[in-house]
Amino acid sequence: MTNEHRCRTPAYRAAVARLEQARAPAAEQWPEPPPSIVITSAADRRAFQGCSEQAEGFEGQPLYRTIVDANGTVHPDAAWLDLLKPDRLRIALAAVRGDTERWGGKRARQRLEGDLTARIVAAERYGAQCARAIEVSGVEAAKDAAHIEAKKIHYLLYRIRQHAPLTVSGMLILARGMMLFEEVQKSNYCGGEQGRGLLLGRELASAVLRVAGIAA
């Protein structure tokens, strides 16, 4: 198992390094949403009820909008950034076109249709720009590669855990496996135990390796 540790660890760490390199251009190229698709007030939320979702970044992380209060103080994490979604706006547009008597006359309805259409175009353009930033950066491919290497390490540890260590060497192999398992948790986002049942042994594993003078 020691040889497998030596093989898997560099491959995983190289994949993580490539992922970190891909994150920078993805963040730099991530577009700012156009104001026409940003929900900024309670009135917007009422007018476009059911047409928005919380905005996400290139790795699915929630995005927040900056709020400046009356004193000019900036609160960058004051509120979630809610954006209008084109598919939901199309449903709203179809509803407007299907109920010609509800919107206060032909001219008012036409203005509303024009407004919704313009917002749909803006939302689609923003979505295309986001997809382009992900594609150009290569962050998704890098994330998948790190995930694959993490799963290999999880499987390796599963095999190690089938055998109770009988020697000091066996204890060291198990300890290294447990420490490596902890390291790969952030990349193994879709599988494994996510640390359950192993976290209590991490400090012991670390102590064993420290006393033995062996790097994880």
C-alpha atoms as a PDB file:
ATOM      1  CA  MET A   1       0.000   0.000   0.000  1.00  0.00           C
ATOM      2  CA  THR A   2       2.934   2.305   0.591  1.00  0.00           C
ATOM      3  CA  ASN A   3       3.765   2.341  -3.117  1.00  0.00           C
ATOM      4  CA  GLU A   4       0.140   3.165  -3.955  1.00  0.00           C
ATOM      5  CA  HIS A   5       0.244   6.053  -1.478  1.00  0.00           C
ATOM      6  CA  ARG A   6       3.349   7.348  -3.198  1.00  0.00           C
ATOM      7  CA  CYS A   7       1.667   7.078  -6.584  1.00  0.00           C
ATOM      8  CA  ARG A   8      -1.732   8.530  -5.714  1.00  0.00           C
ATOM      9  CA  THR A   9      -0.649  11.462  -3.572  1.00  0.00           C
ATOM     10  CA  PRO A  10       1.411  13.357  -6.190  1.00  0.00           C
ATOM     11  CA  ALA A  11      -1.274  12.771  -8.830  1.00  0.00           C
ATOM     12  CA  TYR A  12      -3.956  14.185  -6.557  1.00  0.00           C
ATOM     13  CA  ARG A  13      -1.890  17.176  -5.489  1.00  0.00           C
ATOM     14  CA  ALA A  14      -0.971  17.956  -9.102  1.00  0.00           C
ATOM     15  CA  ALA A  15      -4.679  17.881 -10.028  1.00  0.00           C
ATOM     16  CA  VAL A  16      -5.485  20.249  -7.143  1.00  0.00           C
ATOM     17  CA  ALA A  17      -2.719  22.603  -8.280  1.00  0.00           C
ATOM     18  CA  ARG A  18      -4.200  22.673 -11.790  1.00  0.00           C
ATOM     19  CA  LEU A  19      -7.611  23.431 -10.296  1.00  0.00           C
ATOM     20  CA  GLU A  20      -6.205  26.346  -8.309  1.00  0.00           C
ATOM     21  CA  GLN A  21      -4.587  27.697 -11.471  1.00  0.00           C
ATOM     22  CA  ALA A  22      -7.922  27.488 -13.317  1.00  0.00           C
ATOM     23  CA  ARG A  23      -9.841  29.311 -10.577  1.00  0.00           C
ATOM     24  CA  ALA A  24      -8.010  32.610 -11.082  1.00  0.00           C
ATOM     25  CA  PRO A  25      -9.006  33.173 -14.735  1.00  0.00           C
ATOM     26  CA  ALA A  26     -12.540  31.949 -14.007  1.00  0.00           C
ATOM     27  CA  ALA A  27     -12.922  34.556 -11.269  1.00  0.00           C
ATOM     28  CA  GLU A  28     -11.387  37.289 -13.436  1.00  0.00           C
ATOM     29  CA  GLN A  29     -13.654  36.541 -16.385  1.00  0.00           C
ATOM     30  CA  TRP A  30     -16.842  36.069 -14.379  1.00  0.00           C
ATOM     31  CA  PRO A  31     -19.216  38.760 -15.683  1.00  0.00           C
ATOM     32  CA  GLU A  32     -21.116  41.382 -13.737  1.00  0.00           C
ATOM     33  CA  PRO A  33     -24.864  40.893 -14.216  1.00  0.00           C
ATOM     34  CA  PRO A  34     -26.643  43.680 -16.102  1.00  0.00           C
ATOM     35  CA  PRO A  35     -28.795  45.882 -13.824  1.00  0.00           C
ATOM     36  CA  SER A  36     -31.963  44.928 -15.713  1.00  0.00           C
ATOM     37  CA  ILE A  37     -31.874  41.365 -14.358  1.00  0.00           C
ATOM     38  CA  VAL A  38     -30.913  42.180 -10.751  1.00  0.00           C
ATOM     39  CA  ILE A  39     -33.617  42.189  -8.065  1.00  0.00           C
ATOM     40  CA  THR A  40     -32.821  45.229  -5.930  1.00  0.00           C
ATOM     41  CA  SER A  41     -36.011  46.031  -4.032  1.00  0.00           C
ATOM     42  CA  ALA A  42     -39.167  44.598  -2.514  1.00  0.00           C
ATOM     43  CA  ALA A  43     -41.078  46.118  -5.427  1.00  0.00           C
ATOM     44  CA  ASP A  44     -38.917  44.167  -7.898  1.00  0.00           C
ATOM     45  CA  ARG A  45     -39.494  40.991  -5.914  1.00  0.00           C
ATOM     46  CA  ARG A  46     -43.263  41.485  -6.032  1.00  0.00           C
ATOM     47  CA  ALA A  47     -43.300  42.410  -9.715  1.00  0.00           C
ATOM     48  CA  PHE A  48     -41.162  39.443 -10.729  1.00  0.00           C
ATOM     49  CA  GLN A  49     -42.332  36.927  -8.152  1.00  0.00           C
ATOM     50  CA  GLY A  50     -41.141  33.444  -9.074  1.00  0.00           C
ATOM     51  CA  CYS A  51     -38.884  34.712 -11.875  1.00  0.00           C
ATOM     52  CA  SER A  52     -35.576  34.915 -10.016  1.00  0.00           C
ATOM     53  CA  GLU A  53     -32.990  32.704  -8.362  1.00  0.00           C
ATOM     54  CA  GLN A  54     -30.029  33.328  -6.125  1.00  0.00           C
ATOM     55  CA  ALA A  55     -26.957  34.048  -8.240  1.00  0.00           C
ATOM     56  CA  GLU A  56     -24.053  31.637  -8.183  1.00  0.00           C
ATOM     57  CA  GLY A  57     -20.387  31.921  -9.047  1.00  0.00           C
ATOM     58  CA  PHE A  58     -18.318  29.645 -11.252  1.00  0.00           C
ATOM     59  CA  GLU A  59     -18.208  26.908  -8.607  1.00  0.00           C
ATOM     60  CA  GLY A  60     -21.796  27.227  -7.496  1.00  0.00           C
ATOM     61  CA  GLN A  61     -20.993  29.490  -4.544  1.00  0.00           C
ATOM     62  CA  PRO A  62     -23.666  32.070  -3.584  1.00  0.00           C
ATOM     63  CA  LEU A  63     -23.002  35.596  -4.770  1.00  0.00           C
ATOM     64  CA  TYR A  64     -23.902  38.664  -2.723  1.00  0.00           C
ATOM     65  CA  ARG A  65     -24.693  42.168  -3.823  1.00  0.00           C
ATOM     66  CA  THR A  66     -23.075  45.260  -2.372  1.00  0.00           C
ATOM     67  CA  ILE A  67     -25.322  47.658  -0.489  1.00  0.00           C
ATOM     68  CA  VAL A  68     -24.381  51.239   0.379  1.00  0.00           C
ATOM     69  CA  ASP A  69     -26.349  52.685   3.277  1.00  0.00           C
ATOM     70  CA  ALA A  70     -27.425  56.313   3.821  1.00  0.00           C
ATOM     71  CA  ASN A  71     -24.085  57.086   5.479  1.00  0.00           C
ATOM     72  CA  GLY A  72     -22.129  55.808   2.499  1.00  0.00           C
ATOM     73  CA  THR A  73     -20.970  52.682   4.305  1.00  0.00           C
ATOM     74  CA  VAL A  74     -20.470  49.707   2.006  1.00  0.00           C
ATOM     75  CA  HIS A  75     -21.920  46.367   3.130  1.00  0.00           C
ATOM     76  CA  PRO A  76     -20.645  43.810   0.595  1.00  0.00           C
ATOM     77  CA  ASP A  77     -22.388  40.787   2.116  1.00  0.00           C
ATOM     78  CA  ALA A  78     -25.625  42.454   3.068  1.00  0.00           C
ATOM     79  CA  ALA A  79     -27.941  40.521   0.752  1.00  0.00           C
ATOM     80  CA  TRP A  80     -28.062  37.638  -1.648  1.00  0.00           C
ATOM     81  CA  LEU A  81     -27.817  38.597  -5.289  1.00  0.00           C
ATOM     82  CA  ASP A  82     -31.063  37.513  -6.948  1.00  0.00           C
ATOM     83  CA  LEU A  83     -31.144  37.428 -10.735  1.00  0.00           C
ATOM     84  CA  LEU A  84     -34.011  37.074 -13.175  1.00  0.00           C
ATOM     85  CA  LYS A  85     -33.883  33.810 -15.113  1.00  0.00           C
ATOM     86  CA  PRO A  86     -34.737  33.738 -18.822  1.00  0.00           C
ATOM     87  CA  ASP A  87     -36.819  30.548 -18.731  1.00  0.00           C
ATOM     88  CA  ARG A  88     -39.028  31.939 -15.969  1.00  0.00           C
ATOM     89  CA  LEU A  89     -39.341  35.304 -17.686  1.00  0.00           C
ATOM     90  CA  ARG A  90     -40.583  33.508 -20.794  1.00  0.00           C
ATOM     91  CA  ILE A  91     -43.367  31.967 -18.734  1.00  0.00           C
ATOM     92  CA  ALA A  92     -44.295  35.420 -17.464  1.00  0.00           C
ATOM     93  CA  LEU A  93     -44.218  36.788 -21.029  1.00  0.00           C
ATOM     94  CA  ALA A  94     -46.502  34.006 -22.238  1.00  0.00           C
ATOM     95  CA  ALA A  95     -48.913  34.793 -19.406  1.00  0.00           C
ATOM     96  CA  VAL A  96     -49.001  38.465 -20.429  1.00  0.00           C
ATOM     97  CA  ARG A  97     -49.675  37.573 -24.042  1.00  0.00           C
ATOM     98  CA  GLY A  98     -52.327  35.052 -23.060  1.00  0.00           C
ATOM     99  CA  ASP A  99     -54.384  37.439 -20.926  1.00  0.00           C
ATOM    100  CA  THR A 100     -54.905  40.495 -23.098  1.00  0.00           C
ATOM    101  CA  GLU A 101     -57.452  42.144 -20.810  1.00  0.00           C
ATOM    102  CA  ARG A 102     -55.478  42.112 -17.583  1.00  0.00           C
ATOM    103  CA  TRP A 103     -52.754  44.663 -18.263  1.00  0.00           C
ATOM    104  CA  GLY A 104     -54.660  47.912 -18.812  1.00  0.00           C
ATOM    105  CA  GLY A 105     -54.940  48.153 -22.573  1.00  0.00           C
ATOM    106  CA  LYS A 106     -52.972  47.288 -25.672  1.00  0.00           C
ATOM    107  CA  ARG A 107     -50.280  49.938 -25.275  1.00  0.00           C
ATOM    108  CA  ALA A 108     -49.572  49.044 -21.635  1.00  0.00           C
ATOM    109  CA  ARG A 109     -49.379  45.373 -22.548  1.00  0.00           C
ATOM    110  CA  GLN A 110     -46.995  46.095 -25.399  1.00  0.00           C
ATOM    111  CA  ARG A 111     -44.716  48.078 -23.094  1.00  0.00           C
ATOM    112  CA  LEU A 112     -44.712  45.200 -20.625  1.00  0.00           C
ATOM    113  CA  GLU A 113     -43.986  42.690 -23.380  1.00  0.00           C
ATOM    114  CA  GLY A 114     -41.112  44.838 -24.608  1.00  0.00           C
ATOM    115  CA  ASP A 115     -39.689  45.138 -21.094  1.00  0.00           C
ATOM    116  CA  LEU A 116     -39.864  41.391 -20.461  1.00  0.00           C
ATOM    117  CA  THR A 117     -38.342  40.623 -23.855  1.00  0.00           C
ATOM    118  CA  ALA A 118     -35.405  42.957 -23.198  1.00  0.00           C
ATOM    119  CA  ARG A 119     -34.802  41.364 -19.798  1.00  0.00           C
ATOM    120  CA  ILE A 120     -34.897  37.884 -21.345  1.00  0.00           C
ATOM    121  CA  VAL A 121     -32.243  38.907 -23.875  1.00  0.00           C
ATOM    122  CA  ALA A 122     -30.065  40.391 -21.115  1.00  0.00           C
ATOM    123  CA  ALA A 123     -30.439  37.291 -18.927  1.00  0.00           C
ATOM    124  CA  GLU A 124     -29.540  34.973 -21.806  1.00  0.00           C
ATOM    125  CA  ARG A 125     -26.498  37.069 -22.677  1.00  0.00           C
ATOM    126  CA  TYR A 126     -25.335  36.976 -19.060  1.00  0.00           C
ATOM    127  CA  GLY A 127     -25.785  33.194 -18.916  1.00  0.00           C
ATOM    128  CA  ALA A 128     -23.742  32.800 -22.107  1.00  0.00           C
ATOM    129  CA  GLN A 129     -20.973  34.965 -20.661  1.00  0.00           C
ATOM    130  CA  CYS A 130     -20.884  32.845 -17.496  1.00  0.00           C
ATOM    131  CA  ALA A 131     -20.697  29.636 -19.521  1.00  0.00           C
ATOM    132  CA  ARG A 132     -17.901  31.128 -21.593  1.00  0.00           C
ATOM    133  CA  ALA A 133     -15.890  32.064 -18.498  1.00  0.00           C
ATOM    134  CA  ILE A 134     -16.146  28.491 -17.222  1.00  0.00           C
ATOM    135  CA  GLU A 135     -15.214  27.010 -20.581  1.00  0.00           C
ATOM    136  CA  VAL A 136     -12.216  29.251 -21.225  1.00  0.00           C
ATOM    137  CA  SER A 137     -10.795  28.837 -17.720  1.00  0.00           C
ATOM    138  CA  GLY A 138     -11.014  25.043 -17.794  1.00  0.00           C
ATOM    139  CA  VAL A 139     -12.154  25.049 -14.169  1.00  0.00           C
ATOM    140  CA  GLU A 140     -14.809  22.356 -14.637  1.00  0.00           C
ATOM    141  CA  ALA A 141     -12.394  19.935 -16.288  1.00  0.00           C
ATOM    142  CA  ALA A 142      -9.813  20.625 -13.577  1.00  0.00           C
ATOM    143  CA  LYS A 143     -12.397  20.048 -10.858  1.00  0.00           C
ATOM    144  CA  ASP A 144     -13.428  16.744 -12.419  1.00  0.00           C
ATOM    145  CA  ALA A 145      -9.800  15.630 -12.604  1.00  0.00           C
ATOM    146  CA  ALA A 146      -9.229  16.438  -8.925  1.00  0.00           C
ATOM    147  CA  HIS A 147     -12.433  14.606  -8.036  1.00  0.00           C
ATOM    148  CA  ILE A 148     -11.297  11.497  -9.923  1.00  0.00           C
ATOM    149  CA  GLU A 149      -7.963  11.452  -8.103  1.00  0.00           C
ATOM    150  CA  ALA A 150      -9.726  12.007  -4.771  1.00  0.00           C
ATOM    151  CA  LYS A 151     -12.024   9.041  -5.407  1.00  0.00           C
ATOM    152  CA  LYS A 152      -8.989   6.838  -6.076  1.00  0.00           C
ATOM    153  CA  ILE A 153      -7.582   7.785  -2.687  1.00  0.00           C
ATOM    154  CA  HIS A 154     -10.902   7.116  -0.993  1.00  0.00           C
ATOM    155  CA  TYR A 155     -10.991   3.661  -2.548  1.00  0.00           C
ATOM    156  CA  LEU A 156      -7.400   3.066  -1.484  1.00  0.00           C
ATOM    157  CA  LEU A 157      -8.249   3.904   2.113  1.00  0.00           C
ATOM    158  CA  TYR A 158     -11.317   1.658   1.962  1.00  0.00           C
ATOM    159  CA  ARG A 159      -9.018  -1.222   1.033  1.00  0.00           C
ATOM    160  CA  ILE A 160      -6.563  -0.343   3.792  1.00  0.00           C
ATOM    161  CA  ARG A 161      -9.330  -0.338   6.386  1.00  0.00           C
ATOM    162  CA  GLN A 162     -10.218  -3.946   5.595  1.00  0.00           C
ATOM    163  CA  HIS A 163      -7.042  -5.067   7.389  1.00  0.00           C
ATOM    164  CA  ALA A 164      -6.288  -4.374  11.033  1.00  0.00           C
ATOM    165  CA  PRO A 165      -2.614  -3.371  11.377  1.00  0.00           C
ATOM    166  CA  LEU A 166      -0.476  -6.012  13.070  1.00  0.00           C
ATOM    167  CA  THR A 167       2.864  -4.214  12.950  1.00  0.00           C
ATOM    168  CA  VAL A 168       4.255  -0.750  13.410  1.00  0.00           C
ATOM    169  CA  SER A 169       4.609  -0.492   9.627  1.00  0.00           C
ATOM    170  CA  GLY A 170       0.941  -1.332   9.255  1.00  0.00           C
ATOM    171  CA  MET A 171       0.011   1.369  11.755  1.00  0.00           C
ATOM    172  CA  LEU A 172       2.049   3.897   9.810  1.00  0.00           C
ATOM    173  CA  ILE A 173       0.377   2.922   6.533  1.00  0.00           C
ATOM    174  CA  LEU A 174      -3.060   3.304   8.096  1.00  0.00           C
ATOM    175  CA  ALA A 175      -2.112   6.650   9.648  1.00  0.00           C
ATOM    176  CA  ARG A 176      -0.858   7.983   6.318  1.00  0.00           C
ATOM    177  CA  GLY A 177      -4.029   6.789   4.635  1.00  0.00           C
ATOM    178  CA  MET A 178      -6.220   8.576   7.181  1.00  0.00           C
ATOM    179  CA  MET A 179      -4.328  11.824   6.838  1.00  0.00           C
ATOM    180  CA  LEU A 180      -4.521  11.632   3.070  1.00  0.00           C
ATOM    181  CA  PHE A 181      -8.244  10.930   3.297  1.00  0.00           C
ATOM    182  CA  GLU A 182      -8.698  14.156   5.251  1.00  0.00           C
ATOM    183  CA  GLU A 183      -6.691  16.082   2.671  1.00  0.00           C
ATOM    184  CA  VAL A 184      -8.865  14.990  -0.251  1.00  0.00           C
ATOM    185  CA  GLN A 185     -12.243  15.745   1.353  1.00  0.00           C
ATOM    186  CA  LYS A 186     -12.574  19.119  -0.385  1.00  0.00           C
ATOM    187  CA  SER A 187     -12.207  17.472  -3.786  1.00  0.00           C
ATOM    188  CA  ASN A 188     -14.279  14.342  -3.217  1.00  0.00           C
ATOM    189  CA  TYR A 189     -17.483  16.380  -3.177  1.00  0.00           C
ATOM    190  CA  CYS A 190     -19.790  13.660  -4.481  1.00  0.00           C
ATOM    191  CA  GLY A 191     -18.848  10.539  -2.630  1.00  0.00           C
ATOM    192  CA  GLY A 192     -17.161   8.744   0.221  1.00  0.00           C
ATOM    193  CA  GLU A 193     -17.877   9.176   3.867  1.00  0.00           C
ATOM    194  CA  GLN A 194     -16.999  12.890   3.889  1.00  0.00           C
ATOM    195  CA  GLY A 195     -14.956  12.253   7.015  1.00  0.00           C
ATOM    196  CA  ARG A 196     -17.680  10.620   9.127  1.00  0.00           C
ATOM    197  CA  GLY A 197     -16.184   7.946  11.327  1.00  0.00           C
ATOM    198  CA  LEU A 198     -12.647   9.045  10.554  1.00  0.00           C
ATOM    199  CA  LEU A 199     -12.410  12.533  11.995  1.00  0.00           C
ATOM    200  CA  LEU A 200     -11.932  11.226  15.527  1.00  0.00           C
ATOM    201  CA  GLY A 201      -8.844   9.343  14.373  1.00  0.00           C
ATOM    202  CA  ARG A 202      -7.187  12.203  12.595  1.00  0.00           C
ATOM    203  CA  GLU A 203      -5.318  13.574  15.585  1.00  0.00           C
ATOM    204  CA  LEU A 204      -4.125  10.086  16.515  1.00  0.00           C
ATOM    205  CA  ALA A 205      -2.930   9.471  12.968  1.00  0.00           C
ATOM    206  CA  SER A 206      -1.134  12.807  12.963  1.00  0.00           C
ATOM    207  CA  ALA A 207       0.524  12.007  16.287  1.00  0.00           C
ATOM    208  CA  VAL A 208       1.684   8.596  15.083  1.00  0.00           C
ATOM    209  CA  LEU A 209       3.295  10.084  12.001  1.00  0.00           C
ATOM    210  CA  ARG A 210       4.826  12.929  13.957  1.00  0.00           C
ATOM    211  CA  VAL A 211       6.430  10.562  16.466  1.00  0.00           C
ATOM    212  CA  ALA A 212       7.698   8.378  13.641  1.00  0.00           C
ATOM    213  CA  GLY A 213       9.046  11.401  11.791  1.00  0.00           C
ATOM    214  CA  ILE A 214       7.120  10.556   8.611  1.00  0.00           C
ATOM    215  CA  ALA A 215       5.305  13.027   6.390  1.00  0.00           C
ATOM    216  CA  ALA A 216       1.651  12.270   5.627  1.00  0.00           C
END
